[in-house]
N, C-alpha and C. Protein backbone atom coordinates (compact mmCIF):
# COMPACT_ATOMS: atom_id res chain seq x y z
N MET A 1 -17.01 33.27 -55.99
CA MET A 1 -16.19 34.41 -56.48
C MET A 1 -16.16 34.27 -57.92
N SER A 2 -16.56 35.40 -58.62
CA SER A 2 -16.46 35.33 -60.06
C SER A 2 -15.07 35.69 -60.59
N GLN A 3 -14.83 35.19 -61.83
CA GLN A 3 -13.38 35.53 -62.47
C GLN A 3 -13.42 36.81 -63.23
N GLU A 4 -14.58 37.48 -63.27
CA GLU A 4 -14.67 38.49 -64.23
C GLU A 4 -13.69 39.60 -63.62
N ALA A 5 -13.13 39.73 -62.50
CA ALA A 5 -12.15 40.77 -62.09
C ALA A 5 -10.78 40.46 -62.52
N VAL A 6 -10.58 39.34 -63.10
CA VAL A 6 -9.24 39.02 -63.44
C VAL A 6 -9.25 38.49 -64.89
N PRO A 7 -9.49 39.26 -66.12
CA PRO A 7 -9.57 38.62 -67.23
C PRO A 7 -8.29 38.00 -67.78
N SER A 8 -8.52 36.89 -68.60
CA SER A 8 -7.33 36.20 -69.03
C SER A 8 -6.64 36.65 -70.26
N SER A 9 -7.22 37.69 -70.81
CA SER A 9 -6.83 38.00 -72.33
C SER A 9 -5.40 38.79 -72.04
N GLN A 10 -5.02 39.13 -70.96
CA GLN A 10 -3.94 40.05 -70.85
C GLN A 10 -3.39 39.84 -69.38
N PRO A 11 -2.11 39.28 -69.35
CA PRO A 11 -1.48 39.04 -67.84
C PRO A 11 -1.37 40.39 -67.27
N LYS A 12 -1.52 40.31 -65.94
CA LYS A 12 -1.35 41.42 -65.14
C LYS A 12 -0.42 41.14 -63.96
N GLY A 13 0.12 42.29 -63.50
CA GLY A 13 0.99 42.24 -62.25
C GLY A 13 0.32 41.67 -61.19
N LEU A 14 1.02 40.96 -60.46
CA LEU A 14 0.42 40.47 -59.04
C LEU A 14 -0.16 41.72 -58.13
N LEU A 15 0.66 42.78 -58.12
CA LEU A 15 0.26 44.04 -57.33
C LEU A 15 -1.15 44.29 -57.96
N GLN A 16 -1.33 44.65 -59.14
CA GLN A 16 -2.62 44.97 -59.71
C GLN A 16 -3.73 44.05 -59.43
N GLN A 17 -3.45 42.78 -59.49
CA GLN A 17 -4.49 41.71 -59.29
C GLN A 17 -4.79 41.81 -57.69
N MET A 18 -3.93 42.03 -56.84
CA MET A 18 -4.24 42.27 -55.47
C MET A 18 -5.04 43.26 -55.29
N GLU A 19 -4.62 44.49 -55.87
CA GLU A 19 -5.49 45.66 -55.72
C GLU A 19 -6.91 45.38 -56.11
N GLU A 20 -7.02 44.80 -57.19
CA GLU A 20 -8.64 44.65 -57.74
C GLU A 20 -9.20 43.69 -56.77
N LEU A 21 -8.57 42.61 -56.50
CA LEU A 21 -9.29 41.80 -55.46
C LEU A 21 -9.53 42.39 -54.22
N MET A 22 -8.67 43.27 -53.66
CA MET A 22 -8.97 44.09 -52.53
C MET A 22 -10.16 45.04 -52.57
N ALA A 23 -10.24 45.60 -53.83
CA ALA A 23 -11.30 46.56 -54.00
C ALA A 23 -12.51 45.72 -53.97
N ALA A 24 -12.66 44.61 -54.77
CA ALA A 24 -13.77 43.73 -54.80
C ALA A 24 -14.32 43.31 -53.29
N LEU A 25 -13.30 42.91 -52.43
CA LEU A 25 -13.56 42.44 -51.34
C LEU A 25 -14.02 43.62 -50.39
N ASN A 26 -13.47 44.82 -50.61
CA ASN A 26 -13.80 46.04 -49.88
C ASN A 26 -15.39 46.38 -50.02
N ALA A 27 -15.69 46.02 -51.43
CA ALA A 27 -17.06 46.46 -51.89
C ALA A 27 -17.97 45.44 -51.44
N ASP A 28 -17.63 44.10 -51.26
CA ASP A 28 -18.56 43.13 -50.65
C ASP A 28 -18.72 43.25 -49.14
N LEU A 29 -17.66 43.84 -48.45
CA LEU A 29 -17.65 44.05 -47.14
C LEU A 29 -18.45 45.17 -46.90
N SER A 30 -18.59 46.36 -47.69
CA SER A 30 -19.31 47.44 -47.47
C SER A 30 -20.77 47.20 -47.74
N GLN A 31 -21.17 46.27 -48.55
CA GLN A 31 -22.46 45.96 -48.82
C GLN A 31 -22.98 45.03 -47.70
N LEU A 32 -22.07 44.10 -47.18
CA LEU A 32 -22.54 43.20 -46.05
C LEU A 32 -22.68 43.99 -44.77
N ASP A 33 -21.76 45.09 -44.56
CA ASP A 33 -22.09 46.06 -43.38
C ASP A 33 -23.47 46.91 -43.62
N ALA A 34 -23.59 47.21 -44.78
CA ALA A 34 -24.75 47.96 -44.96
C ALA A 34 -26.09 46.95 -44.79
N ASP A 35 -26.11 45.76 -45.14
CA ASP A 35 -27.08 44.78 -44.93
C ASP A 35 -27.30 44.55 -43.36
N PHE A 36 -26.16 44.34 -42.75
CA PHE A 36 -26.15 44.32 -41.16
C PHE A 36 -26.67 45.35 -40.57
N GLN A 37 -26.13 46.55 -40.88
CA GLN A 37 -26.84 47.80 -40.22
C GLN A 37 -28.25 47.82 -40.56
N GLN A 38 -28.72 47.67 -41.75
CA GLN A 38 -30.11 47.74 -41.98
C GLN A 38 -30.91 46.60 -41.03
N SER A 39 -30.47 45.40 -40.95
CA SER A 39 -31.03 44.32 -40.01
C SER A 39 -31.04 44.86 -38.70
N ALA A 40 -29.98 45.44 -38.29
CA ALA A 40 -30.05 45.84 -36.87
C ALA A 40 -30.97 46.85 -36.52
N GLU A 41 -31.52 47.56 -37.50
CA GLU A 41 -32.47 48.65 -37.07
C GLU A 41 -33.85 48.13 -36.90
N ARG A 42 -34.00 46.69 -37.43
CA ARG A 42 -35.28 46.13 -37.42
C ARG A 42 -35.34 45.31 -35.93
N PRO A 43 -36.48 45.42 -35.15
CA PRO A 43 -36.47 44.69 -34.02
C PRO A 43 -36.53 43.10 -34.27
N ALA A 44 -35.77 42.34 -33.64
CA ALA A 44 -35.56 41.04 -33.95
C ALA A 44 -36.89 40.25 -33.26
N PRO A 45 -37.30 39.11 -34.08
CA PRO A 45 -38.62 38.44 -33.46
C PRO A 45 -38.00 37.82 -32.25
N ALA A 46 -39.18 37.42 -31.29
CA ALA A 46 -38.94 36.81 -30.10
C ALA A 46 -38.06 35.57 -30.17
N SER A 47 -38.30 34.82 -31.31
CA SER A 47 -37.77 33.55 -31.44
C SER A 47 -36.30 33.53 -31.99
N ALA A 48 -35.89 34.85 -32.30
CA ALA A 48 -34.45 34.96 -32.98
C ALA A 48 -33.39 35.14 -31.80
N ASN A 49 -33.03 33.99 -31.18
CA ASN A 49 -32.05 33.86 -30.21
C ASN A 49 -30.79 33.25 -30.66
N GLY A 50 -30.74 32.92 -31.94
CA GLY A 50 -29.57 32.33 -32.48
C GLY A 50 -29.54 30.55 -32.57
N SER A 51 -30.35 30.20 -31.75
CA SER A 51 -30.31 28.77 -31.57
C SER A 51 -31.16 28.04 -32.82
N ASP A 52 -31.87 28.67 -33.59
CA ASP A 52 -32.57 28.13 -34.66
C ASP A 52 -31.82 28.27 -35.98
N ARG A 53 -30.60 28.64 -36.02
CA ARG A 53 -29.85 28.83 -37.13
C ARG A 53 -29.17 27.17 -37.64
N THR A 54 -29.16 27.09 -38.85
CA THR A 54 -28.57 25.87 -39.14
C THR A 54 -27.16 26.09 -39.77
């Protein structure tokens, strides 16, 4: 996770830090959901049964 969401030049309140981290997490989860939805639209290859993952 990058440190750019919480610059060290000026101290912030804990609530503001938490709000920024939650916003970043929400954005990451939204992107992950979009990627998942896109991959769910494609037909899976016959060999993709989950056993070949590392």
